[in-house]
Amino acid sequence: MIGTGTWLYKRPPLAEAPLPSPQAQASQAASSVAPAEPPAQAASTAASAAPVQAAAARASASAPDYSAMAKKAMEQANSPAEALRKVQLALGGGTPKEVLEAAQTLQMCSMMAGAPGALYAMRDGANGVPEPLKKMMDVGGGVNKVIESAEGQARRCQVFDQATLGRSKELFQRAYEGGAEGGASAYLNALQNPLEKEKADPALIAKLQAEVRKAAAGGDADALLHLAMATGDSARDLGVTPVQRAGYKVAWKTIQDEKFPGIGMGDIMERAMATAFDRAKSTTPLSAAEQAEAAALAQQVVDAWRRKRKGG
């Protein structure tokens, strides 16, 4: 058994290892009886090495722990205090991008308020969820991880009072009017939110829909995603066909890959949003001619995005 184990490490077993040649044996014997380094010389060598070793130890001890630093930076970036700071900055001014991010934070917090309770009810409810779905949710502790994440987000959102949470639509409007990338689709989503009590002006909705189509043609990732996932009445109102949905999705994936090269970002994000993409998938497969049309549209959008990126 020992011999077999040593082969795993690409060394022959001791019993099977070839014996060294006579010349090699003589060399090994000579080296084994070679005179040792004189004590004084050995002490001198050790003394000269000591400062180097001490310096190396100090350098190792003082070297920054980049992993810990990165973790701390992430915690600070996602902390309640930082979220509050960013929202307060946007409410008092800020760039269009900062205003859009603040609006999205407030929107998310509004939705997260009752999320943990709803998830607990879904997990523990006797009748609410079909058994096969409950089993699927329990794989790898999936539902508990989602609940844990939701509770963390809800705690993070406790820094906002109801009055502040209610200002997300105002910030979405400002971000759109300021020209933030993705601003038109984000504002349109906010106005068409099923939980929104106030019905939006149809003329404003139509204007935003036209601007989303225009932004998508120029490679705006948020607008592309909005159109690629449009279904039912939303797709009809946006004037999006199944061919266009397919083309916009390909363009969106390509742009994600070029924004974040080398990691397959398009596929990663597609998998993360698989359910939404499945809902938007056409029930009738595209014909060869339609697939070619979708590919041509995708290339046209990607080319426009590349020109814009280069400043051309």
Foldseek 3Di string as FASTA:
>chain_A
DQQVVVVVVVDGRPVPDDDDDPVVVVVVVCVVPPDDDDPVVVVVVVVVCVVVVVVVVVCVVPPDPVVVVVVVVVCVCLALVNLVVLLVCLVVPDALVSLLVNLVLLQVLVVLQCVLVVLVCAQPPPPDDDPVVNVVCPVVDNSVVVSVVSVVSNVSSPVDDPVSSVCSLVSLVVSVVNPPQLSLVSNLCVQPPPPDPDHDDPVSNLVSLVVLVVSLLLPRLNSLVSQLLDDDPRVVSSVHDLLQSLLSLLLNQVVLCVVPPDPSRSVVVCVVCVVSNVVSHDPDDDDPVSNVVSVVSSVSNNVSNVCVVVVD
